[in-house]
Amino acid sequence: MKAWHKEVIRVHYKDTDQMGVVHHGNYVNLFEIGRTEWMRHAGIPYSKMEDMGLLLPVMDLNINYQKSARYDDLLVIYTKVSNFSKVRLQFDYEARLINDSQGEIADTPTGELLAKGSTVHMWVTRDWKPARIDRFAPEVYALFQEA
């Protein structure tokens, strides 16, 4: 869980505000893209998880803004799991301005830091009851242990 997954994203015009910068609320979407792609890369796409009857709602969200991104900037969203238990899961994120898009995994984030944050999630079933991932889906638990 020390390695960061990299997801490269180009800023679209629709994601900017009247000041020409990425609207602060769009970082939540960028972090979600990073999280879903981290899970896909780890072998646990959200669609597979949902087919199994598992949901992973956000319980807590934290964002610290450093600098603005602008239209047509090339960003990389770094994502990693920083805390993992049988019931909860925390992802850390960094949105950075970059000039290239090489690689999917990095030991250390590179590029100019724009925003960083985290989300905490809890495993639940489709009827919103807490689920111990080691009992409900041991294969998913094993994938997280390997990642």
N, C-alpha and C. Protein backbone atom coordinates (compact mmCIF):
# COMPACT_ATOMS: atom_id res chain seq x y z
N MET A 1 0.82 -1.20 0.00
CA MET A 1 0.00 0.00 0.00
C MET A 1 0.86 1.26 0.00
N LYS A 2 2.16 1.08 -0.19
CA LYS A 2 3.04 2.24 -0.22
C LYS A 2 3.07 2.91 -1.58
N ALA A 3 2.81 2.15 -2.63
CA ALA A 3 2.88 2.70 -3.99
C ALA A 3 1.61 3.48 -4.31
N TRP A 4 1.77 4.52 -5.10
CA TRP A 4 0.66 5.36 -5.54
C TRP A 4 0.24 4.92 -6.94
N HIS A 5 -1.06 4.84 -7.16
CA HIS A 5 -1.58 4.64 -8.51
C HIS A 5 -1.69 6.01 -9.16
N LYS A 6 -1.32 6.09 -10.44
CA LYS A 6 -1.38 7.35 -11.18
C LYS A 6 -2.49 7.30 -12.22
N GLU A 7 -3.35 8.30 -12.21
CA GLU A 7 -4.38 8.44 -13.22
C GLU A 7 -4.25 9.83 -13.83
N VAL A 8 -3.93 9.88 -15.12
CA VAL A 8 -3.71 11.15 -15.81
C VAL A 8 -5.03 11.67 -16.37
N ILE A 9 -5.27 12.96 -16.16
CA ILE A 9 -6.53 13.58 -16.57
C ILE A 9 -6.22 14.96 -17.15
N ARG A 10 -6.86 15.27 -18.25
CA ARG A 10 -6.77 16.60 -18.85
C ARG A 10 -7.96 17.43 -18.34
N VAL A 11 -7.72 18.65 -17.92
CA VAL A 11 -8.80 19.51 -17.43
C VAL A 11 -9.64 19.97 -18.62
N HIS A 12 -10.93 19.73 -18.54
CA HIS A 12 -11.87 20.14 -19.57
C HIS A 12 -12.46 21.50 -19.21
N TYR A 13 -12.88 22.22 -20.21
CA TYR A 13 -13.45 23.56 -20.01
C TYR A 13 -14.65 23.51 -19.06
N LYS A 14 -15.46 22.48 -19.17
CA LYS A 14 -16.67 22.37 -18.35
C LYS A 14 -16.35 22.27 -16.86
N ASP A 15 -15.12 21.93 -16.52
CA ASP A 15 -14.73 21.76 -15.12
C ASP A 15 -14.17 23.03 -14.49
N THR A 16 -14.15 24.12 -15.26
CA THR A 16 -13.62 25.37 -14.73
C THR A 16 -14.76 26.32 -14.38
N ASP A 17 -14.43 27.30 -13.55
CA ASP A 17 -15.43 28.29 -13.16
C ASP A 17 -15.18 29.60 -13.91
N GLN A 18 -15.88 30.64 -13.55
CA GLN A 18 -15.78 31.92 -14.25
C GLN A 18 -14.38 32.52 -14.14
N MET A 19 -13.62 32.12 -13.13
CA MET A 19 -12.26 32.63 -12.96
C MET A 19 -11.25 31.86 -13.82
N GLY A 20 -11.73 30.81 -14.52
CA GLY A 20 -10.86 30.04 -15.40
C GLY A 20 -10.06 28.96 -14.70
N VAL A 21 -10.44 28.65 -13.47
CA VAL A 21 -9.73 27.60 -12.73
C VAL A 21 -10.69 26.44 -12.45
N VAL A 22 -10.12 25.29 -12.14
CA VAL A 22 -10.94 24.13 -11.80
C VAL A 22 -11.73 24.46 -10.54
N HIS A 23 -13.03 24.30 -10.62
CA HIS A 23 -13.91 24.57 -9.48
C HIS A 23 -13.52 23.64 -8.33
N HIS A 24 -13.49 24.19 -7.11
CA HIS A 24 -13.04 23.41 -5.96
C HIS A 24 -13.82 22.10 -5.77
N GLY A 25 -15.09 22.09 -6.09
CA GLY A 25 -15.89 20.88 -5.93
C GLY A 25 -15.49 19.76 -6.88
N ASN A 26 -14.85 20.11 -7.99
CA ASN A 26 -14.45 19.09 -8.95
C ASN A 26 -13.30 18.22 -8.47
N TYR A 27 -12.60 18.65 -7.43
CA TYR A 27 -11.55 17.79 -6.88
C TYR A 27 -12.13 16.53 -6.25
N VAL A 28 -13.35 16.62 -5.75
CA VAL A 28 -14.03 15.42 -5.24
C VAL A 28 -14.19 14.42 -6.37
N ASN A 29 -14.60 14.89 -7.55
CA ASN A 29 -14.74 14.01 -8.71
C ASN A 29 -13.40 13.44 -9.14
N LEU A 30 -12.35 14.27 -9.12
CA LEU A 30 -11.02 13.79 -9.48
C LEU A 30 -10.56 12.69 -8.53
N PHE A 31 -10.81 12.89 -7.24
CA PHE A 31 -10.44 11.87 -6.25
C PHE A 31 -11.24 10.58 -6.48
N GLU A 32 -12.51 10.71 -6.82
CA GLU A 32 -13.32 9.52 -7.10
C GLU A 32 -12.79 8.76 -8.31
N ILE A 33 -12.39 9.48 -9.34
CA ILE A 33 -11.78 8.83 -10.51
C ILE A 33 -10.52 8.09 -10.08
N GLY A 34 -9.68 8.75 -9.28
CA GLY A 34 -8.47 8.10 -8.80
C GLY A 34 -8.76 6.84 -8.01
N ARG A 35 -9.76 6.91 -7.14
CA ARG A 35 -10.13 5.75 -6.31
C ARG A 35 -10.67 4.60 -7.16
N THR A 36 -11.56 4.89 -8.08
CA THR A 36 -12.13 3.81 -8.89
C THR A 36 -11.07 3.18 -9.79
N GLU A 37 -10.15 3.98 -10.29
CA GLU A 37 -9.09 3.42 -11.13
C GLU A 37 -8.05 2.66 -10.29
N TRP A 38 -7.81 3.10 -9.05
CA TRP A 38 -6.94 2.34 -8.15
C TRP A 38 -7.54 0.95 -7.95
N MET A 39 -8.85 0.91 -7.70
CA MET A 39 -9.52 -0.37 -7.45
C MET A 39 -9.50 -1.25 -8.70
N ARG A 40 -9.73 -0.66 -9.86
CA ARG A 40 -9.68 -1.43 -11.10
C ARG A 40 -8.29 -2.02 -11.30
N HIS A 41 -7.26 -1.20 -11.08
CA HIS A 41 -5.87 -1.65 -11.23
C HIS A 41 -5.55 -2.77 -10.23
N ALA A 42 -6.14 -2.72 -9.04
CA ALA A 42 -5.91 -3.74 -8.02
C ALA A 42 -6.72 -5.02 -8.28
N GLY A 43 -7.61 -4.98 -9.29
CA GLY A 43 -8.40 -6.16 -9.62
C GLY A 43 -9.78 -6.20 -8.99
N ILE A 44 -10.24 -5.03 -8.49
CA ILE A 44 -11.54 -4.95 -7.84
C ILE A 44 -12.35 -3.80 -8.44
N PRO A 45 -12.77 -3.91 -9.69
CA PRO A 45 -13.58 -2.81 -10.25
C PRO A 45 -14.87 -2.63 -9.45
N TYR A 46 -15.32 -1.38 -9.33
CA TYR A 46 -16.55 -1.10 -8.60
C TYR A 46 -17.72 -1.95 -9.11
N SER A 47 -17.79 -2.13 -10.42
CA SER A 47 -18.91 -2.90 -10.98
C SER A 47 -18.90 -4.33 -10.44
N LYS A 48 -17.74 -4.93 -10.31
CA LYS A 48 -17.63 -6.29 -9.76
C LYS A 48 -18.04 -6.30 -8.29
N MET A 49 -17.58 -5.28 -7.56
CA MET A 49 -17.93 -5.18 -6.15
C MET A 49 -19.44 -5.08 -5.97
N GLU A 50 -20.07 -4.22 -6.79
CA GLU A 50 -21.51 -4.04 -6.68
C GLU A 50 -22.26 -5.30 -7.09
N ASP A 51 -21.75 -6.03 -8.09
CA ASP A 51 -22.36 -7.31 -8.47
C ASP A 51 -22.33 -8.30 -7.32
N MET A 52 -21.33 -8.18 -6.45
CA MET A 52 -21.20 -9.05 -5.28
C MET A 52 -22.12 -8.61 -4.14
N GLY A 53 -22.75 -7.43 -4.30
CA GLY A 53 -23.63 -6.92 -3.26
C GLY A 53 -22.94 -6.01 -2.26
N LEU A 54 -21.76 -5.51 -2.61
CA LEU A 54 -21.00 -4.62 -1.72
C LEU A 54 -21.06 -3.18 -2.20
N LEU A 55 -21.14 -2.27 -1.24
CA LEU A 55 -21.06 -0.85 -1.52
C LEU A 55 -19.96 -0.26 -0.63
N LEU A 56 -19.44 0.88 -1.03
CA LEU A 56 -18.34 1.50 -0.29
C LEU A 56 -18.60 3.00 -0.16
N PRO A 57 -19.62 3.38 0.65
CA PRO A 57 -19.95 4.80 0.76
C PRO A 57 -18.85 5.61 1.46
N VAL A 58 -18.79 6.88 1.11
CA VAL A 58 -17.85 7.81 1.74
C VAL A 58 -18.41 8.21 3.11
N MET A 59 -17.59 8.08 4.14
CA MET A 59 -17.97 8.50 5.49
C MET A 59 -17.33 9.82 5.87
N ASP A 60 -16.17 10.10 5.27
CA ASP A 60 -15.44 11.32 5.60
C ASP A 60 -14.65 11.75 4.38
N LEU A 61 -14.58 13.04 4.15
CA LEU A 61 -13.85 13.62 3.02
C LEU A 61 -13.06 14.81 3.52
N ASN A 62 -11.78 14.87 3.12
CA ASN A 62 -10.92 15.97 3.51
C ASN A 62 -10.15 16.42 2.28
N ILE A 63 -10.14 17.73 2.01
CA ILE A 63 -9.36 18.27 0.90
C ILE A 63 -8.62 19.51 1.38
N ASN A 64 -7.34 19.57 1.03
CA ASN A 64 -6.51 20.73 1.32
C ASN A 64 -6.03 21.28 -0.01
N TYR A 65 -6.46 22.50 -0.35
CA TYR A 65 -6.13 23.11 -1.63
C TYR A 65 -4.82 23.90 -1.52
N GLN A 66 -3.94 23.71 -2.49
CA GLN A 66 -2.65 24.39 -2.50
C GLN A 66 -2.56 25.43 -3.61
N LYS A 67 -2.98 25.03 -4.81
CA LYS A 67 -2.85 25.88 -5.99
C LYS A 67 -3.94 25.48 -7.00
N SER A 68 -4.31 26.40 -7.86
CA SER A 68 -5.39 26.14 -8.82
C SER A 68 -4.89 25.45 -10.08
N ALA A 69 -5.72 24.55 -10.59
CA ALA A 69 -5.52 23.98 -11.92
C ALA A 69 -6.37 24.80 -12.89
N ARG A 70 -5.97 24.82 -14.15
CA ARG A 70 -6.67 25.62 -15.16
C ARG A 70 -7.06 24.74 -16.36
N TYR A 71 -7.92 25.30 -17.18
CA TYR A 71 -8.35 24.63 -18.40
C TYR A 71 -7.15 24.12 -19.19
N ASP A 72 -7.24 22.89 -19.68
CA ASP A 72 -6.27 22.21 -20.52
C ASP A 72 -4.99 21.78 -19.80
N ASP A 73 -4.92 22.01 -18.48
CA ASP A 73 -3.77 21.49 -17.72
C ASP A 73 -3.80 19.97 -17.73
N LEU A 74 -2.64 19.37 -17.69
CA LEU A 74 -2.52 17.92 -17.56
C LEU A 74 -2.25 17.62 -16.09
N LEU A 75 -3.16 16.87 -15.50
CA LEU A 75 -3.06 16.54 -14.08
C LEU A 75 -2.83 15.05 -13.90
N VAL A 76 -2.23 14.71 -12.80
CA VAL A 76 -2.18 13.32 -12.40
C VAL A 76 -2.80 13.24 -11.01
N ILE A 77 -3.67 12.26 -10.84
CA ILE A 77 -4.28 12.01 -9.55
C ILE A 77 -3.58 10.79 -8.97
N TYR A 78 -2.84 11.00 -7.91
CA TYR A 78 -2.16 9.91 -7.21
C TYR A 78 -3.11 9.40 -6.13
N THR A 79 -3.24 8.08 -6.05
CA THR A 79 -4.15 7.48 -5.09
C THR A 79 -3.48 6.27 -4.45
N LYS A 80 -3.66 6.14 -3.15
CA LYS A 80 -3.19 4.94 -2.46
C LYS A 80 -4.08 4.68 -1.25
N VAL A 81 -4.08 3.43 -0.81
CA VAL A 81 -4.78 3.06 0.42
C VAL A 81 -3.81 3.33 1.56
N SER A 82 -4.25 4.15 2.52
CA SER A 82 -3.37 4.49 3.63
C SER A 82 -3.77 3.78 4.92
N ASN A 83 -5.00 3.30 4.98
CA ASN A 83 -5.47 2.59 6.17
C ASN A 83 -6.53 1.59 5.72
N PHE A 84 -6.44 0.38 6.22
CA PHE A 84 -7.34 -0.68 5.76
C PHE A 84 -7.64 -1.61 6.92
N SER A 85 -8.91 -1.86 7.15
CA SER A 85 -9.33 -2.86 8.15
C SER A 85 -10.41 -3.73 7.52
N LYS A 86 -10.97 -4.61 8.29
CA LYS A 86 -12.00 -5.51 7.78
C LYS A 86 -13.33 -4.79 7.56
N VAL A 87 -13.45 -3.56 8.08
CA VAL A 87 -14.70 -2.81 7.99
C VAL A 87 -14.54 -1.47 7.28
N ARG A 88 -13.38 -0.84 7.45
CA ARG A 88 -13.17 0.50 6.89
C ARG A 88 -11.94 0.55 5.99
N LEU A 89 -11.90 1.63 5.23
CA LEU A 89 -10.87 1.79 4.23
C LEU A 89 -10.61 3.28 4.04
N GLN A 90 -9.34 3.69 4.03
CA GLN A 90 -9.01 5.09 3.77
C GLN A 90 -8.11 5.19 2.56
N PHE A 91 -8.48 6.11 1.66
CA PHE A 91 -7.67 6.44 0.50
C PHE A 91 -7.07 7.82 0.70
N ASP A 92 -5.82 7.98 0.28
CA ASP A 92 -5.18 9.29 0.23
C ASP A 92 -5.00 9.67 -1.24
N TYR A 93 -5.07 10.97 -1.51
CA TYR A 93 -5.00 11.47 -2.88
C TYR A 93 -4.09 12.68 -2.96
N GLU A 94 -3.47 12.85 -4.11
CA GLU A 94 -2.77 14.07 -4.44
C GLU A 94 -3.07 14.39 -5.90
N ALA A 95 -3.52 15.61 -6.14
CA ALA A 95 -3.72 16.10 -7.51
C ALA A 95 -2.52 16.98 -7.82
N ARG A 96 -1.82 16.64 -8.92
CA ARG A 96 -0.59 17.35 -9.26
C ARG A 96 -0.59 17.75 -10.73
N LEU A 97 0.03 18.89 -11.01
CA LEU A 97 0.21 19.38 -12.37
C LEU A 97 1.46 18.72 -12.94
N ILE A 98 1.33 18.14 -14.14
CA ILE A 98 2.46 17.45 -14.76
C ILE A 98 2.61 17.85 -16.22
N ASN A 99 3.70 17.37 -16.83
CA ASN A 99 3.96 17.62 -18.24
C ASN A 99 3.90 16.36 -19.08
N ASP A 100 3.93 15.18 -18.45
CA ASP A 100 3.87 13.92 -19.21
C ASP A 100 3.00 12.93 -18.45
N SER A 101 2.82 11.75 -19.01
CA SER A 101 1.89 10.79 -18.41
C SER A 101 2.47 9.39 -18.32
N GLN A 102 3.73 9.25 -17.98
CA GLN A 102 4.36 7.93 -18.00
C GLN A 102 4.05 7.14 -16.74
N GLY A 103 3.76 5.84 -16.95
CA GLY A 103 3.61 4.90 -15.85
C GLY A 103 2.27 4.95 -15.16
N GLU A 104 1.93 3.85 -14.48
CA GLU A 104 0.69 3.76 -13.71
C GLU A 104 0.95 3.76 -12.21
N ILE A 105 2.17 3.38 -11.79
CA ILE A 105 2.49 3.25 -10.38
C ILE A 105 3.71 4.12 -10.09
N ALA A 106 3.74 4.74 -8.92
CA ALA A 106 4.88 5.57 -8.53
C ALA A 106 5.16 5.38 -7.04
N ASP A 107 6.42 5.36 -6.68
CA ASP A 107 6.78 5.32 -5.26
C ASP A 107 6.56 6.67 -4.61
N THR A 108 6.84 7.73 -5.36
CA THR A 108 6.72 9.09 -4.86
C THR A 108 6.00 9.95 -5.89
N PRO A 109 4.98 10.70 -5.48
CA PRO A 109 4.30 11.59 -6.42
C PRO A 109 5.25 12.67 -6.94
N THR A 110 5.10 12.98 -8.23
CA THR A 110 5.87 14.05 -8.83
C THR A 110 4.92 15.07 -9.45
N GLY A 111 5.44 16.23 -9.76
CA GLY A 111 4.62 17.31 -10.30
C GLY A 111 4.29 18.31 -9.21
N GLU A 112 3.73 19.43 -9.62
CA GLU A 112 3.40 20.50 -8.68
C GLU A 112 2.10 20.18 -7.94
N LEU A 113 2.16 20.15 -6.62
CA LEU A 113 1.00 19.81 -5.80
C LEU A 113 -0.08 20.88 -5.92
N LEU A 114 -1.29 20.44 -6.28
CA LEU A 114 -2.43 21.34 -6.38
C LEU A 114 -3.39 21.15 -5.21
N ALA A 115 -3.66 19.90 -4.87
CA ALA A 115 -4.57 19.59 -3.77
C ALA A 115 -4.25 18.19 -3.26
N LYS A 116 -4.49 17.99 -1.98
CA LYS A 116 -4.35 16.64 -1.43
C LYS A 116 -5.51 16.41 -0.48
N GLY A 117 -5.81 15.15 -0.27
CA GLY A 117 -6.94 14.85 0.59
C GLY A 117 -7.05 13.38 0.89
N SER A 118 -8.18 13.05 1.51
CA SER A 118 -8.43 11.65 1.87
C SER A 118 -9.93 11.42 1.94
N THR A 119 -10.29 10.16 1.80
CA THR A 119 -11.67 9.74 2.03
C THR A 119 -11.64 8.48 2.89
N VAL A 120 -12.61 8.36 3.77
CA VAL A 120 -12.78 7.17 4.59
C VAL A 120 -14.09 6.52 4.16
N HIS A 121 -14.06 5.21 3.98
CA HIS A 121 -15.21 4.45 3.51
C HIS A 121 -15.49 3.30 4.45
N MET A 122 -16.72 2.81 4.39
CA MET A 122 -17.12 1.64 5.17
C MET A 122 -17.79 0.64 4.24
N TRP A 123 -17.38 -0.61 4.36
CA TRP A 123 -18.02 -1.66 3.56
C TRP A 123 -19.43 -1.90 4.08
N VAL A 124 -20.41 -1.87 3.17
CA VAL A 124 -21.80 -2.17 3.53
C VAL A 124 -22.42 -3.06 2.45
N THR A 125 -23.51 -3.72 2.81
CA THR A 125 -24.26 -4.52 1.86
C THR A 125 -25.26 -3.61 1.13
N ARG A 126 -25.95 -4.18 0.15
CA ARG A 126 -26.94 -3.39 -0.61
C ARG A 126 -28.04 -2.82 0.27
N ASP A 127 -28.31 -3.46 1.41
CA ASP A 127 -29.32 -2.92 2.32
C ASP A 127 -28.68 -2.05 3.41
N TRP A 128 -27.47 -1.58 3.16
CA TRP A 128 -26.74 -0.62 3.99
C TRP A 128 -26.41 -1.14 5.39
N LYS A 129 -26.21 -2.44 5.47
CA LYS A 129 -25.76 -3.02 6.74
C LYS A 129 -24.24 -3.19 6.67
N PRO A 130 -23.52 -2.90 7.76
CA PRO A 130 -22.07 -3.06 7.74
C PRO A 130 -21.68 -4.47 7.34
N ALA A 131 -20.60 -4.57 6.58
CA ALA A 131 -20.11 -5.87 6.11
C ALA A 131 -18.63 -6.00 6.45
N ARG A 132 -18.29 -7.06 7.16
CA ARG A 132 -16.87 -7.37 7.36
C ARG A 132 -16.38 -7.99 6.07
N ILE A 133 -15.47 -7.31 5.42
CA ILE A 133 -15.03 -7.72 4.09
C ILE A 133 -14.35 -9.09 4.11
N ASP A 134 -13.69 -9.44 5.20
CA ASP A 134 -13.02 -10.74 5.28
C ASP A 134 -14.02 -11.89 5.31
N ARG A 135 -15.23 -11.64 5.79
CA ARG A 135 -16.27 -12.68 5.83
C ARG A 135 -17.19 -12.62 4.60
N PHE A 136 -17.56 -11.40 4.21
CA PHE A 136 -18.51 -11.22 3.12
C PHE A 136 -17.89 -11.52 1.76
N ALA A 137 -16.66 -11.09 1.58
CA ALA A 137 -15.97 -11.29 0.29
C ALA A 137 -14.48 -11.51 0.56
N PRO A 138 -14.11 -12.71 1.01
CA PRO A 138 -12.71 -12.97 1.36
C PRO A 138 -11.75 -12.75 0.19
N GLU A 139 -12.22 -12.93 -1.05
CA GLU A 139 -11.35 -12.71 -2.20
C GLU A 139 -11.02 -11.22 -2.38
N VAL A 140 -11.95 -10.35 -2.05
CA VAL A 140 -11.70 -8.91 -2.10
C VAL A 140 -10.75 -8.52 -0.97
N TYR A 141 -10.97 -9.08 0.21
CA TYR A 141 -10.08 -8.83 1.35
C TYR A 141 -8.66 -9.24 1.00
N ALA A 142 -8.52 -10.38 0.36
CA ALA A 142 -7.19 -10.87 -0.03
C ALA A 142 -6.53 -9.93 -1.04
N LEU A 143 -7.31 -9.39 -1.97
CA LEU A 143 -6.76 -8.45 -2.95
C LEU A 143 -6.24 -7.19 -2.26
N PHE A 144 -6.98 -6.70 -1.28
CA PHE A 144 -6.52 -5.51 -0.55
C PHE A 144 -5.27 -5.82 0.27
N GLN A 145 -5.20 -7.01 0.83
CA GLN A 145 -3.99 -7.39 1.57
C GLN A 145 -2.77 -7.45 0.64
N GLU A 146 -2.96 -7.93 -0.59
CA GLU A 146 -1.88 -8.00 -1.55
C GLU A 146 -1.48 -6.62 -2.06
N ALA A 147 -2.46 -5.74 -2.22
CA ALA A 147 -2.19 -4.40 -2.77
C ALA A 147 -1.41 -3.59 -1.76
